[in-house]
C-alpha atoms as a PDB file:
ATOM      1  CA  MET A   1      80.739  32.220  22.740  1.00  0.00           C
ATOM      2  CA  VAL A   2      79.199  34.447  20.079  1.00  0.00           C
ATOM      3  CA  MET A   3      76.961  37.149  21.545  1.00  0.00           C
ATOM      4  CA  PRO A   4      73.729  38.026  19.702  1.00  0.00           C
ATOM      5  CA  THR A   5      73.905  41.135  17.585  1.00  0.00           C
ATOM      6  CA  PRO A   6      71.191  43.720  18.294  1.00  0.00           C
ATOM      7  CA  LEU A   7      68.995  44.673  15.384  1.00  0.00           C
ATOM      8  CA  PHE A   8      69.999  48.321  15.784  1.00  0.00           C
ATOM      9  CA  ASN A   9      72.064  50.707  17.807  1.00  0.00           C
ATOM     10  CA  VAL A  10      71.077  54.092  19.129  1.00  0.00           C
ATOM     11  CA  GLY A  11      73.020  55.923  16.461  1.00  0.00           C
ATOM     12  CA  THR A  12      71.433  54.106  13.525  1.00  0.00           C
ATOM     13  CA  LEU A  13      67.836  53.597  14.597  1.00  0.00           C
ATOM     14  CA  GLU A  14      65.726  52.615  11.600  1.00  0.00           C
ATOM     15  CA  PRO A  15      62.322  54.307  11.385  1.00  0.00           C
ATOM     16  CA  PHE A  16      60.381  51.040  11.209  1.00  0.00           C
ATOM     17  CA  ILE A  17      62.242  49.579  14.204  1.00  0.00           C
ATOM     18  CA  ALA A  18      61.428  52.759  16.116  1.00  0.00           C
ATOM     19  CA  THR A  19      57.776  52.323  15.136  1.00  0.00           C
ATOM     20  CA  ARG A  20      57.796  48.751  16.443  1.00  0.00           C
ATOM     21  CA  LEU A  21      59.366  49.912  19.696  1.00  0.00           C
ATOM     22  CA  LEU A  22      56.626  52.494  20.154  1.00  0.00           C
ATOM     23  CA  ALA A  23      53.924  49.963  19.263  1.00  0.00           C
ATOM     24  CA  TYR A  24      55.195  47.437  21.816  1.00  0.00           C
ATOM     25  CA  GLY A  25      55.566  50.224  24.366  1.00  0.00           C
ATOM     26  CA  THR A  26      51.974  51.379  23.940  1.00  0.00           C
ATOM     27  CA  VAL A  27      50.732  47.832  24.536  1.00  0.00           C
ATOM     28  CA  VAL A  28      52.719  47.637  27.780  1.00  0.00           C
ATOM     29  CA  VAL A  29      51.494  51.021  29.045  1.00  0.00           C
ATOM     30  CA  ALA A  30      47.859  50.377  28.056  1.00  0.00           C
ATOM     31  CA  GLY A  31      47.966  46.878  29.565  1.00  0.00           C
ATOM     32  CA  ALA A  32      49.393  48.188  32.853  1.00  0.00           C
ATOM     33  CA  THR A  33      46.706  50.894  33.002  1.00  0.00           C
ATOM     34  CA  LEU A  34      43.926  48.390  32.341  1.00  0.00           C
ATOM     35  CA  LEU A  35      45.348  45.937  34.880  1.00  0.00           C
ATOM     36  CA  TYR A  36      45.399  48.616  37.570  1.00  0.00           C
ATOM     37  CA  TYR A  37      41.818  49.714  37.005  1.00  0.00           C
ATOM     38  CA  LEU A  38      40.630  46.135  36.536  1.00  0.00           C
ATOM     39  CA  PHE A  39      41.698  44.920  39.974  1.00  0.00           C
ATOM     40  CA  ALA A  40      40.825  48.185  41.712  1.00  0.00           C
ATOM     41  CA  TYR A  41      37.353  47.960  40.126  1.00  0.00           C
ATOM     42  CA  VAL A  42      36.833  44.291  41.022  1.00  0.00           C
ATOM     43  CA  ARG A  43      37.633  44.871  44.692  1.00  0.00           C
ATOM     44  CA  PHE A  44      35.396  47.947  44.810  1.00  0.00           C
ATOM     45  CA  VAL A  45      32.296  46.800  42.969  1.00  0.00           C
ATOM     46  CA  LEU A  46      31.895  43.122  42.188  1.00  0.00           C
ATOM     47  CA  ALA A  47      30.573  40.349  44.401  1.00  0.00           C
ATOM     48  CA  ALA A  48      33.072  37.725  45.526  1.00  0.00           C
ATOM     49  CA  HIS A  49      31.660  34.829  43.509  1.00  0.00           C
ATOM     50  CA  HIS A  50      32.189  36.751  40.267  1.00  0.00           C
ATOM     51  CA  GLY A  51      35.936  37.123  40.822  1.00  0.00           C
ATOM     52  CA  ARG A  52      37.182  34.059  38.911  1.00  0.00           C
ATOM     53  CA  GLY A  53      36.358  35.424  35.474  1.00  0.00           C
ATOM     54  CA  TRP A  54      38.046  38.732  36.239  1.00  0.00           C
ATOM     55  CA  TRP A  55      41.163  36.946  37.490  1.00  0.00           C
ATOM     56  CA  TYR A  56      41.382  35.097  34.172  1.00  0.00           C
ATOM     57  CA  VAL A  57      40.985  38.372  32.287  1.00  0.00           C
ATOM     58  CA  GLY A  58      43.658  39.989  34.473  1.00  0.00           C
ATOM     59  CA  ILE A  59      46.113  37.166  33.765  1.00  0.00           C
ATOM     60  CA  GLY A  60      45.342  37.537  30.072  1.00  0.00           C
ATOM     61  CA  ILE A  61      46.129  41.256  30.202  1.00  0.00           C
ATOM     62  CA  GLY A  62      49.356  40.377  32.026  1.00  0.00           C
ATOM     63  CA  ALA A  63      50.222  37.984  29.201  1.00  0.00           C
ATOM     64  CA  GLY A  64      49.637  40.851  26.766  1.00  0.00           C
ATOM     65  CA  MET A  65      52.142  42.917  28.761  1.00  0.00           C
ATOM     66  CA  VAL A  66      54.634  40.027  28.551  1.00  0.00           C
ATOM     67  CA  TYR A  67      54.087  40.146  24.787  1.00  0.00           C
ATOM     68  CA  GLY A  68      54.972  43.842  24.738  1.00  0.00           C
ATOM     69  CA  VAL A  69      57.984  43.651  27.081  1.00  0.00           C
ATOM     70  CA  SER A  70      59.524  40.600  25.405  1.00  0.00           C
ATOM     71  CA  GLY A  71      58.950  42.213  22.007  1.00  0.00           C
ATOM     72  CA  LEU A  72      60.817  45.311  23.154  1.00  0.00           C
ATOM     73  CA  LEU A  73      63.701  43.227  24.507  1.00  0.00           C
ATOM     74  CA  ASP A  74      63.781  41.160  21.334  1.00  0.00           C
ATOM     75  CA  LEU A  75      64.266  44.294  19.220  1.00  0.00           C
ATOM     76  CA  VAL A  76      66.972  45.600  21.540  1.00  0.00           C
ATOM     77  CA  THR A  77      68.951  42.386  22.162  1.00  0.00           C
ATOM     78  CA  ALA A  78      67.964  40.012  19.301  1.00  0.00           C
ATOM     79  CA  ILE A  79      68.072  37.041  21.713  1.00  0.00           C
ATOM     80  CA  PRO A  80      66.380  34.188  19.796  1.00  0.00           C
ATOM     81  CA  TRP A  81      64.200  32.763  22.596  1.00  0.00           C
ATOM     82  CA  LEU A  82      62.641  36.168  23.295  1.00  0.00           C
ATOM     83  CA  ARG A  83      60.761  35.977  20.008  1.00  0.00           C
ATOM     84  CA  VAL A  84      59.267  32.665  21.099  1.00  0.00           C
ATOM     85  CA  VAL A  85      58.260  34.200  24.449  1.00  0.00           C
ATOM     86  CA  THR A  86      56.608  37.073  22.575  1.00  0.00           C
ATOM     87  CA  ARG A  87      54.527  34.658  20.556  1.00  0.00           C
ATOM     88  CA  GLY A  88      53.672  32.705  23.694  1.00  0.00           C
ATOM     89  CA  GLY A  89      52.491  35.890  25.405  1.00  0.00           C
ATOM     90  CA  ALA A  90      50.116  36.543  22.516  1.00  0.00           C
ATOM     91  CA  LEU A  91      48.746  32.996  22.732  1.00  0.00           C
ATOM     92  CA  PHE A  92      48.119  33.127  26.476  1.00  0.00           C
ATOM     93  CA  PHE A  93      46.532  36.562  26.088  1.00  0.00           C
ATOM     94  CA  ILE A  94      43.699  35.179  23.996  1.00  0.00           C
ATOM     95  CA  LEU A  95      43.551  31.918  25.990  1.00  0.00           C
ATOM     96  CA  PHE A  96      42.969  33.566  29.363  1.00  0.00           C
ATOM     97  CA  LEU A  97      40.596  36.162  27.936  1.00  0.00           C
ATOM     98  CA  SER A  98      38.468  33.400  26.447  1.00  0.00           C
ATOM     99  CA  LEU A  99      38.476  31.505  29.759  1.00  0.00           C
ATOM    100  CA  GLY A 100      37.631  34.699  31.651  1.00  0.00           C
ATOM    101  CA  ILE A 101      34.710  35.724  29.471  1.00  0.00           C
ATOM    102  CA  ARG A 102      33.409  32.159  29.529  1.00  0.00           C
ATOM    103  CA  ALA A 103      33.655  32.150  33.333  1.00  0.00           C
ATOM    104  CA  MET A 104      31.550  35.330  33.478  1.00  0.00           C
ATOM    105  CA  TYR A 105      28.841  33.616  31.486  1.00  0.00           C
ATOM    106  CA  VAL A 106      28.982  30.380  33.503  1.00  0.00           C
ATOM    107  CA  GLU A 107      28.901  32.215  36.839  1.00  0.00           C
ATOM    108  CA  ASN A 108      25.794  34.123  35.759  1.00  0.00           C
ATOM    109  CA  ARG A 109      23.866  30.851  35.384  1.00  0.00           C
ATOM    110  CA  ASP A 110      23.986  30.398  39.162  1.00  0.00           C
ATOM    111  CA  SER A 111      24.700  33.889  40.451  1.00  0.00           C
ATOM    112  CA  SER A 112      23.060  33.154  43.804  1.00  0.00           C
ATOM    113  CA  ALA A 113      25.650  30.533  44.678  1.00  0.00           C
ATOM    114  CA  SER A 114      28.351  31.566  47.102  1.00  0.00           C
ATOM    115  CA  ASN A 115      30.909  29.216  45.572  1.00  0.00           C
ATOM    116  CA  VAL A 116      30.847  28.507  41.853  1.00  0.00           C
ATOM    117  CA  ARG A 117      33.308  25.784  40.896  1.00  0.00           C
ATOM    118  CA  THR A 118      35.551  25.964  37.865  1.00  0.00           C
ATOM    119  CA  PRO A 119      34.273  23.614  35.109  1.00  0.00           C
ATOM    120  CA  MET A 120      36.705  20.816  34.291  1.00  0.00           C
ATOM    121  CA  VAL A 121      36.740  21.874  30.644  1.00  0.00           C
ATOM    122  CA  ASP A 122      38.580  25.049  31.686  1.00  0.00           C
ATOM    123  CA  TYR A 123      41.376  23.022  33.265  1.00  0.00           C
ATOM    124  CA  ALA A 124      41.488  20.643  30.296  1.00  0.00           C
ATOM    125  CA  VAL A 125      41.765  23.421  27.695  1.00  0.00           C
ATOM    126  CA  PHE A 126      44.291  25.421  29.689  1.00  0.00           C
ATOM    127  CA  GLY A 127      46.434  22.388  30.562  1.00  0.00           C
ATOM    128  CA  GLY A 128      46.403  21.068  27.005  1.00  0.00           C
ATOM    129  CA  VAL A 129      47.487  24.352  25.419  1.00  0.00           C
ATOM    130  CA  VAL A 130      50.174  25.016  28.045  1.00  0.00           C
ATOM    131  CA  LEU A 131      51.578  21.495  27.756  1.00  0.00           C
ATOM    132  CA  ALA A 132      51.631  21.592  23.951  1.00  0.00           C
ATOM    133  CA  TRP A 133      53.303  25.008  23.872  1.00  0.00           C
ATOM    134  CA  TRP A 134      55.997  24.128  26.416  1.00  0.00           C
ATOM    135  CA  ILE A 135      56.809  20.896  24.584  1.00  0.00           C
ATOM    136  CA  GLY A 136      57.530  22.953  21.488  1.00  0.00           C
ATOM    137  CA  PHE A 137      59.466  25.596  23.433  1.00  0.00           C
ATOM    138  CA  LEU A 138      61.713  23.134  25.314  1.00  0.00           C
ATOM    139  CA  SER A 139      62.330  21.047  22.200  1.00  0.00           C
ATOM    140  CA  SER A 140      63.020  24.199  20.102  1.00  0.00           C
ATOM    141  CA  ARG A 141      60.620  23.021  17.406  1.00  0.00           C
ATOM    142  CA  LEU A 142      59.395  26.267  15.889  1.00  0.00           C
ATOM    143  CA  VAL A 143      57.140  24.464  13.431  1.00  0.00           C
ATOM    144  CA  TRP A 144      55.354  22.754  16.330  1.00  0.00           C
ATOM    145  CA  ILE A 145      55.035  26.074  18.199  1.00  0.00           C
ATOM    146  CA  SER A 146      53.569  27.725  15.103  1.00  0.00           C
ATOM    147  CA  LEU A 147      51.067  24.868  14.756  1.00  0.00           C
ATOM    148  CA  VAL A 148      50.029  25.141  18.420  1.00  0.00           C
ATOM    149  CA  GLU A 149      49.651  28.907  18.075  1.00  0.00           C
ATOM    150  CA  THR A 150      47.601  28.651  14.898  1.00  0.00           C
ATOM    151  CA  ILE A 151      45.197  26.054  16.324  1.00  0.00           C
ATOM    152  CA  GLY A 152      45.157  27.689  19.777  1.00  0.00           C
ATOM    153  CA  TRP A 153      44.454  31.163  18.440  1.00  0.00           C
ATOM    154  CA  GLY A 154      41.808  29.913  16.030  1.00  0.00           C
ATOM    155  CA  GLY A 155      39.966  27.915  18.682  1.00  0.00           C
ATOM    156  CA  ALA A 156      40.308  30.531  21.436  1.00  0.00           C
ATOM    157  CA  THR A 157      39.137  33.282  19.094  1.00  0.00           C
ATOM    158  CA  LEU A 158      35.947  31.394  18.234  1.00  0.00           C
ATOM    159  CA  TRP A 159      35.477  30.657  21.943  1.00  0.00           C
ATOM    160  CA  VAL A 160      35.935  34.256  23.078  1.00  0.00           C
ATOM    161  CA  PHE A 161      33.472  35.600  20.509  1.00  0.00           C
ATOM    162  CA  ARG A 162      30.871  32.943  21.290  1.00  0.00           C
ATOM    163  CA  TYR A 163      30.960  33.532  25.031  1.00  0.00           C
ATOM    164  CA  GLY A 164      31.434  37.257  24.572  1.00  0.00           C
ATOM    165  CA  VAL A 165      28.065  37.459  22.811  1.00  0.00           C
ATOM    166  CA  LEU A 166      26.442  35.147  25.369  1.00  0.00           C
ATOM    167  CA  THR A 167      27.900  37.133  28.274  1.00  0.00           C
ATOM    168  CA  VAL A 168      26.671  40.462  26.914  1.00  0.00           C
ATOM    169  CA  ARG A 169      23.177  38.999  26.394  1.00  0.00           C
ATOM    170  CA  ALA A 170      23.115  37.437  29.866  1.00  0.00           C
ATOM    171  CA  HIS A 171      24.430  40.562  31.614  1.00  0.00           C
ATOM    172  CA  GLU A 172      22.718  43.182  29.456  1.00  0.00           C
ATOM    173  CA  GLY A 173      22.665  46.540  31.226  1.00  0.00           C
ATOM    174  CA  THR A 174      25.398  45.601  33.714  1.00  0.00           C
ATOM    175  CA  SER A 175      29.061  46.494  34.107  1.00  0.00           C
ATOM    176  CA  PHE A 176      29.977  43.031  32.790  1.00  0.00           C
ATOM    177  CA  ALA A 177      28.390  43.791  29.426  1.00  0.00           C
ATOM    178  CA  ALA A 178      29.973  47.256  29.233  1.00  0.00           C
ATOM    179  CA  VAL A 179      33.500  45.957  29.852  1.00  0.00           C
ATOM    180  CA  VAL A 180      33.168  42.973  27.508  1.00  0.00           C
ATOM    181  CA  ARG A 181      31.906  45.242  24.718  1.00  0.00           C
ATOM    182  CA  HIS A 182      35.019  47.426  25.077  1.00  0.00           C
ATOM    183  CA  LEU A 183      37.386  44.458  25.396  1.00  0.00           C
ATOM    184  CA  LEU A 184      36.282  42.520  22.313  1.00  0.00           C
ATOM    185  CA  PRO A 185      37.661  45.103  19.802  1.00  0.00           C
ATOM    186  CA  ALA A 186      41.072  44.687  21.452  1.00  0.00           C
ATOM    187  CA  VAL A 187      40.765  40.942  20.898  1.00  0.00           C
ATOM    188  CA  ILE A 188      39.854  41.491  17.238  1.00  0.00           C
ATOM    189  CA  SER A 189      42.893  43.724  16.770  1.00  0.00           C
ATOM    190  CA  PHE A 190      45.153  41.203  18.497  1.00  0.00           C
ATOM    191  CA  VAL A 191      43.821  38.471  16.190  1.00  0.00           C
ATOM    192  CA  ILE A 192      44.864  40.612  13.211  1.00  0.00           C
ATOM    193  CA  VAL A 193      48.318  41.162  14.735  1.00  0.00           C
ATOM    194  CA  VAL A 194      48.956  37.492  15.482  1.00  0.00           C
ATOM    195  CA  PHE A 195      47.776  36.172  12.143  1.00  0.00           C
ATOM    196  CA  SER A 196      49.819  38.814  10.332  1.00  0.00           C
ATOM    197  CA  ASP A 197      52.838  37.491  12.257  1.00  0.00           C
ATOM    198  CA  LEU A 198      51.976  33.938  11.233  1.00  0.00           C
ATOM    199  CA  VAL A 199      51.602  35.013   7.598  1.00  0.00           C
ATOM    200  CA  GLY A 200      55.002  36.696   7.839  1.00  0.00           C
ATOM    201  CA  ILE A 201      56.510  33.433   9.122  1.00  0.00           C
ATOM    202  CA  TYR A 202      55.102  31.311   6.301  1.00  0.00           C
ATOM    203  CA  THR A 203      55.770  33.748   3.432  1.00  0.00           C
ATOM    204  CA  LEU A 204      58.084  36.677   2.768  1.00  0.00           C
ATOM    205  CA  GLN A 205      56.343  37.775  -0.414  1.00  0.00           C
ATOM    206  CA  TYR A 206      54.181  40.384   1.312  1.00  0.00           C
ATOM    207  CA  ALA A 207      56.560  41.377   4.087  1.00  0.00           C
ATOM    208  CA  ALA A 208      55.895  45.117   3.751  1.00  0.00           C
ATOM    209  CA  VAL A 209      52.124  44.638   3.897  1.00  0.00           C
ATOM    210  CA  VAL A 210      52.431  42.283   6.873  1.00  0.00           C
ATOM    211  CA  ASP A 211      54.623  44.779   8.731  1.00  0.00           C
ATOM    212  CA  ALA A 212      52.183  47.616   8.076  1.00  0.00           C
ATOM    213  CA  VAL A 213      49.220  45.530   9.244  1.00  0.00           C
ATOM    214  CA  TRP A 214      51.173  44.505  12.349  1.00  0.00           C
ATOM    215  CA  VAL A 215      51.937  48.099  13.335  1.00  0.00           C
ATOM    216  CA  ILE A 216      48.375  49.302  12.788  1.00  0.00           C
ATOM    217  CA  GLY A 217      46.915  46.296  14.592  1.00  0.00           C
ATOM    218  CA  THR A 218      49.256  46.644  17.588  1.00  0.00           C
ATOM    219  CA  VAL A 219      48.455  50.327  18.012  1.00  0.00           C
ATOM    220  CA  LEU A 220      44.733  49.479  17.850  1.00  0.00           C
ATOM    221  CA  VAL A 221      45.217  46.810  20.536  1.00  0.00           C
ATOM    222  CA  ALA A 222      46.774  49.400  22.837  1.00  0.00           C
ATOM    223  CA  ALA A 223      44.049  51.929  22.048  1.00  0.00           C
ATOM    224  CA  PHE A 224      41.212  49.496  22.817  1.00  0.00           C
ATOM    225  CA  LEU A 225      42.909  48.264  25.998  1.00  0.00           C
ATOM    226  CA  PHE A 226      43.172  51.842  27.182  1.00  0.00           C
ATOM    227  CA  ASN A 227      39.566  52.453  26.138  1.00  0.00           C
ATOM    228  CA  THR A 228      38.541  49.454  28.255  1.00  0.00           C
ATOM    229  CA  ALA A 229      40.408  50.938  31.223  1.00  0.00           C
ATOM    230  CA  VAL A 230      38.502  54.205  30.739  1.00  0.00           C
ATOM    231  CA  ALA A 231      35.214  52.266  30.595  1.00  0.00           C
ATOM    232  CA  ILE A 232      36.067  50.470  33.850  1.00  0.00           C
ATOM    233  CA  ARG A 233      36.929  53.756  35.552  1.00  0.00           C
ATOM    234  CA  HIS A 234      33.652  55.194  34.301  1.00  0.00           C
ATOM    235  CA  GLN A 235      31.709  52.267  35.778  1.00  0.00           C
ATOM    236  CA  GLY A 236      33.457  52.781  39.102  1.00  0.00           C
ATOM    237  CA  ALA A 237      32.683  56.499  39.003  1.00  0.00           C
ATOM    238  CA  GLU A 238      28.990  55.728  38.443  1.00  0.00           C
ATOM    239  CA  VAL A 239      28.952  53.633  41.599  1.00  0.00           C
ATOM    240  CA  GLU A 240      30.813  56.329  43.539  1.00  0.00           C
ATOM    241  CA  ARG A 241      28.279  58.967  42.458  1.00  0.00           C
ATOM    242  CA  LYS A 242      25.384  56.689  43.350  1.00  0.00           C
ATOM    243  CA  TYR A 243      26.612  56.363  46.935  1.00  0.00           C
ATOM    244  CA  ASP A 244      28.038  59.873  47.250  1.00  0.00           C
ATOM    245  CA  TRP A 245      26.986  61.116  50.689  1.00  0.00           C
ATOM    246  CA  THR A 246      27.168  64.755  49.549  1.00  0.00           C
ATOM    247  CA  THR A 247      24.125  64.241  47.310  1.00  0.00           C
ATOM    248  CA  TRP A 248      21.866  63.257  50.247  1.00  0.00           C
ATOM    249  CA  ARG A 249      20.195  65.417  52.876  1.00  0.00           C
ATOM    250  CA  GLY A 250      18.477  64.795  56.153  1.00  0.00           C
END
């Protein structure tokens, strides 16, 4: 059995590989920070019937962390299937974010209800993308996986921007709007990263440009994810100050 050869060893670490390692690492750290504040914030502030959208967003952030971790392992070990997992993590990142932001908008239409059901279209979209991606993964058809990713990313990107705008309008002045405004730039940066990867797959003519765009885009993703975590912590701090017993007398 022939073992996979790593792309580098510690003694001969190429500068660009080191840059990719740092870029993947920043995504993992920023995603973990955002995930921590996201669930701490949801339990502390939000009403129960608004939780579904935040759970979708949390799963999407987790998928972004899978993207970063599998990318790191791919650089270190060069195991072929890890690259496919990395691309799948990017796809499910945008998929769950789009479902989450859409759920925030849908839940707002009947915010007085104690139990807002998940629309069937959510299950249909999620099930269709997951089924299509796993068919390509299990059959090892990279062309099919690339097609699913291209269509999935294109459709989910349009979806997330549409419902992002609608959510901000519907929740103007609330914590929902503040978080979505900070999260959308991370989505834009991730779109740039993913489509630069797809361009790199289809053509090698502009490999240097694609690599540079990928690095810049990945670092921006991490920066905006961390910025979203800071925004969430700020929203929580506002609530804490509002109900701070030390500011009241009598």
